[in-house]
Amino acid sequence: MVATLLLAGSPTAGGKSIDPQRAALIAQRYVRLAGADAAQAPARGVVPTSGAPYYLFNDARGNGFVVVAADDEMGEVLAYGTAGPLDTLNANPCVKWLLEGYRLSYEALRQVVTRCNWS
């Protein structure tokens, strides 16, 4: 599978967490989500975990994917593709490396926030 990956960094001061509902609204600009109420309950087509660095949404019809950051300090859309869904379990090593880089960046941002939060 050939996918077009896009790094889109538009960091903002004082990064805020992006919840699954907001991530789904962002993803809907790039892919069709499963179900009419996907923005309210994005459990289908998204890979969320507690403290996840990003949300992965695969198009409901298999026509692409979008990776949305879990913190707006990382930007909004980290990657997207139009050639098919992203299967992280069977992705090529370069895609896995890129996703790991997102995770490491997210953790680094969390450490900076923790160190600078003196109140």
C-alpha atoms as a PDB file:
ATOM      1  CA  MET A   1       0.000   0.000   0.000  1.00  0.00           C
ATOM      2  CA  VAL A   2       1.345   3.384  -0.959  1.00  0.00           C
ATOM      3  CA  ALA A   3       0.129   6.099   1.382  1.00  0.00           C
ATOM      4  CA  THR A   4       0.800   9.773   1.344  1.00  0.00           C
ATOM      5  CA  LEU A   5       1.917  10.884   4.783  1.00  0.00           C
ATOM      6  CA  LEU A   6       1.877  14.522   5.706  1.00  0.00           C
ATOM      7  CA  LEU A   7       3.520  16.153   8.671  1.00  0.00           C
ATOM      8  CA  ALA A   8       1.448  19.156   9.581  1.00  0.00           C
ATOM      9  CA  GLY A   9       2.891  21.085  12.458  1.00  0.00           C
ATOM     10  CA  SER A  10       1.070  24.142  13.614  1.00  0.00           C
ATOM     11  CA  PRO A  11       1.898  24.215  17.296  1.00  0.00           C
ATOM     12  CA  THR A  12       0.079  26.558  19.606  1.00  0.00           C
ATOM     13  CA  ALA A  13       1.131  27.948  22.955  1.00  0.00           C
ATOM     14  CA  GLY A  14      -0.044  26.007  25.997  1.00  0.00           C
ATOM     15  CA  GLY A  15      -1.029  22.794  24.202  1.00  0.00           C
ATOM     16  CA  LYS A  16      -4.371  21.290  25.107  1.00  0.00           C
ATOM     17  CA  SER A  17      -5.533  17.710  24.908  1.00  0.00           C
ATOM     18  CA  ILE A  18      -7.745  16.750  22.004  1.00  0.00           C
ATOM     19  CA  ASP A  19     -10.528  14.411  23.102  1.00  0.00           C
ATOM     20  CA  PRO A  20     -11.925  11.629  20.891  1.00  0.00           C
ATOM     21  CA  GLN A  21     -15.011  13.650  19.919  1.00  0.00           C
ATOM     22  CA  ARG A  22     -12.958  16.641  18.761  1.00  0.00           C
ATOM     23  CA  ALA A  23     -10.548  14.303  16.968  1.00  0.00           C
ATOM     24  CA  ALA A  24     -13.496  12.728  15.133  1.00  0.00           C
ATOM     25  CA  LEU A  25     -14.714  16.152  14.016  1.00  0.00           C
ATOM     26  CA  ILE A  26     -11.246  16.917  12.654  1.00  0.00           C
ATOM     27  CA  ALA A  27     -11.039  13.503  10.966  1.00  0.00           C
ATOM     28  CA  GLN A  28     -14.364  14.018   9.201  1.00  0.00           C
ATOM     29  CA  ARG A  29     -12.674  16.648   7.044  1.00  0.00           C
ATOM     30  CA  TYR A  30     -10.478  13.902   5.555  1.00  0.00           C
ATOM     31  CA  VAL A  31     -12.333  10.592   5.787  1.00  0.00           C
ATOM     32  CA  ARG A  32     -15.867   9.250   6.061  1.00  0.00           C
ATOM     33  CA  LEU A  33     -16.426   7.833   9.538  1.00  0.00           C
ATOM     34  CA  ALA A  34     -18.596   4.791  10.220  1.00  0.00           C
ATOM     35  CA  GLY A  35     -22.093   5.638  11.453  1.00  0.00           C
ATOM     36  CA  ALA A  36     -24.101   8.846  11.385  1.00  0.00           C
ATOM     37  CA  ASP A  37     -23.166   9.719  14.958  1.00  0.00           C
ATOM     38  CA  ALA A  38     -19.441   8.974  14.603  1.00  0.00           C
ATOM     39  CA  ALA A  39     -18.456  12.440  15.846  1.00  0.00           C
ATOM     40  CA  GLN A  40     -20.310  11.887  19.113  1.00  0.00           C
ATOM     41  CA  ALA A  41     -19.119   8.315  19.690  1.00  0.00           C
ATOM     42  CA  PRO A  42     -16.053   7.633  17.530  1.00  0.00           C
ATOM     43  CA  ALA A  43     -15.464   4.103  18.773  1.00  0.00           C
ATOM     44  CA  ARG A  44     -15.661   2.628  15.261  1.00  0.00           C
ATOM     45  CA  GLY A  45     -12.790   3.432  12.928  1.00  0.00           C
ATOM     46  CA  VAL A  46     -10.641   5.043  15.608  1.00  0.00           C
ATOM     47  CA  VAL A  47      -7.896   3.607  17.774  1.00  0.00           C
ATOM     48  CA  PRO A  48      -8.099   5.492  21.100  1.00  0.00           C
ATOM     49  CA  THR A  49      -6.367   4.530  24.313  1.00  0.00           C
ATOM     50  CA  SER A  50      -5.958   6.396  27.543  1.00  0.00           C
ATOM     51  CA  GLY A  51      -3.033   8.754  27.125  1.00  0.00           C
ATOM     52  CA  ALA A  52      -2.730   7.933  23.427  1.00  0.00           C
ATOM     53  CA  PRO A  53      -0.479  10.307  21.449  1.00  0.00           C
ATOM     54  CA  TYR A  54      -2.820  10.256  18.438  1.00  0.00           C
ATOM     55  CA  TYR A  55      -6.119   8.960  17.103  1.00  0.00           C
ATOM     56  CA  LEU A  56      -6.185   6.846  13.957  1.00  0.00           C
ATOM     57  CA  PHE A  57      -9.336   7.034  11.835  1.00  0.00           C
ATOM     58  CA  ASN A  58      -9.710   4.750   8.832  1.00  0.00           C
ATOM     59  CA  ASP A  59     -12.218   5.700   6.166  1.00  0.00           C
ATOM     60  CA  ALA A  60     -15.440   3.676   6.497  1.00  0.00           C
ATOM     61  CA  ARG A  61     -15.200   2.695   2.803  1.00  0.00           C
ATOM     62  CA  GLY A  62     -11.488   1.866   2.886  1.00  0.00           C
ATOM     63  CA  ASN A  63     -10.500   5.002   0.958  1.00  0.00           C
ATOM     64  CA  GLY A  64      -7.841   6.358   3.277  1.00  0.00           C
ATOM     65  CA  PHE A  65      -7.019   7.287   6.833  1.00  0.00           C
ATOM     66  CA  VAL A  66      -6.116  10.248   8.998  1.00  0.00           C
ATOM     67  CA  VAL A  67      -3.966  10.435  12.118  1.00  0.00           C
ATOM     68  CA  VAL A  68      -5.120  13.224  14.454  1.00  0.00           C
ATOM     69  CA  ALA A  69      -2.874  14.454  17.269  1.00  0.00           C
ATOM     70  CA  ALA A  70      -4.060  13.997  20.856  1.00  0.00           C
ATOM     71  CA  ASP A  71      -2.455  17.315  21.841  1.00  0.00           C
ATOM     72  CA  ASP A  72      -2.822  20.488  19.790  1.00  0.00           C
ATOM     73  CA  GLU A  73       0.810  21.371  20.548  1.00  0.00           C
ATOM     74  CA  MET A  74       1.705  18.680  17.982  1.00  0.00           C
ATOM     75  CA  GLY A  75      -0.500  20.251  15.345  1.00  0.00           C
ATOM     76  CA  GLU A  76      -3.828  18.894  14.232  1.00  0.00           C
ATOM     77  CA  VAL A  77      -3.364  16.315  11.479  1.00  0.00           C
ATOM     78  CA  LEU A  78      -0.165  14.318  11.743  1.00  0.00           C
ATOM     79  CA  ALA A  79      -0.643  12.136   8.672  1.00  0.00           C
ATOM     80  CA  TYR A  80      -3.232  11.120   6.121  1.00  0.00           C
ATOM     81  CA  GLY A  81      -3.491   8.898   3.121  1.00  0.00           C
ATOM     82  CA  THR A  82      -5.975   8.338   0.317  1.00  0.00           C
ATOM     83  CA  ALA A  83      -4.835   4.963  -1.037  1.00  0.00           C
ATOM     84  CA  GLY A  84      -6.411   2.750   1.629  1.00  0.00           C
ATOM     85  CA  PRO A  85      -6.722   2.187   5.359  1.00  0.00           C
ATOM     86  CA  LEU A  86      -3.748   2.207   7.702  1.00  0.00           C
ATOM     87  CA  ASP A  87      -3.197  -1.149   9.378  1.00  0.00           C
ATOM     88  CA  THR A  88      -0.674  -0.387  12.111  1.00  0.00           C
ATOM     89  CA  LEU A  89      -0.109  -4.070  12.852  1.00  0.00           C
ATOM     90  CA  ASN A  90       0.991  -4.774   9.280  1.00  0.00           C
ATOM     91  CA  ALA A  91       2.444  -1.383   8.323  1.00  0.00           C
ATOM     92  CA  ASN A  92       5.880  -1.149   6.791  1.00  0.00           C
ATOM     93  CA  PRO A  93       8.762  -0.349   9.171  1.00  0.00           C
ATOM     94  CA  CYS A  94       8.968   3.290   8.082  1.00  0.00           C
ATOM     95  CA  VAL A  95       5.324   3.919   8.999  1.00  0.00           C
ATOM     96  CA  LYS A  96       5.859   2.222  12.367  1.00  0.00           C
ATOM     97  CA  TRP A  97       8.929   4.391  12.898  1.00  0.00           C
ATOM     98  CA  LEU A  98       6.909   7.530  12.094  1.00  0.00           C
ATOM     99  CA  LEU A  99       4.135   6.562  14.526  1.00  0.00           C
ATOM    100  CA  GLU A 100       6.755   5.859  17.192  1.00  0.00           C
ATOM    101  CA  GLY A 101       8.175   9.340  16.560  1.00  0.00           C
ATOM    102  CA  TYR A 102       4.725  10.819  17.202  1.00  0.00           C
ATOM    103  CA  ARG A 103       4.541   8.869  20.467  1.00  0.00           C
ATOM    104  CA  LEU A 104       7.970  10.089  21.580  1.00  0.00           C
ATOM    105  CA  SER A 105       7.093  13.696  20.705  1.00  0.00           C
ATOM    106  CA  TYR A 106       3.859  13.416  22.682  1.00  0.00           C
ATOM    107  CA  GLU A 107       5.724  12.060  25.713  1.00  0.00           C
ATOM    108  CA  ALA A 108       8.323  14.839  25.471  1.00  0.00           C
ATOM    109  CA  LEU A 109       5.539  17.454  25.425  1.00  0.00           C
ATOM    110  CA  ARG A 110       3.970  15.852  28.498  1.00  0.00           C
ATOM    111  CA  GLN A 111       7.300  15.979  30.354  1.00  0.00           C
ATOM    112  CA  VAL A 112       7.765  19.677  29.539  1.00  0.00           C
ATOM    113  CA  VAL A 113       4.237  20.477  30.750  1.00  0.00           C
ATOM    114  CA  THR A 114       4.829  18.525  33.967  1.00  0.00           C
ATOM    115  CA  ARG A 115       8.135  20.280  34.659  1.00  0.00           C
ATOM    116  CA  CYS A 116       6.736  23.740  33.944  1.00  0.00           C
ATOM    117  CA  ASN A 117       3.499  23.332  35.885  1.00  0.00           C
ATOM    118  CA  TRP A 118       4.450  24.835  39.247  1.00  0.00           C
ATOM    119  CA  SER A 119       0.999  25.915  40.389  1.00  0.00           C
END
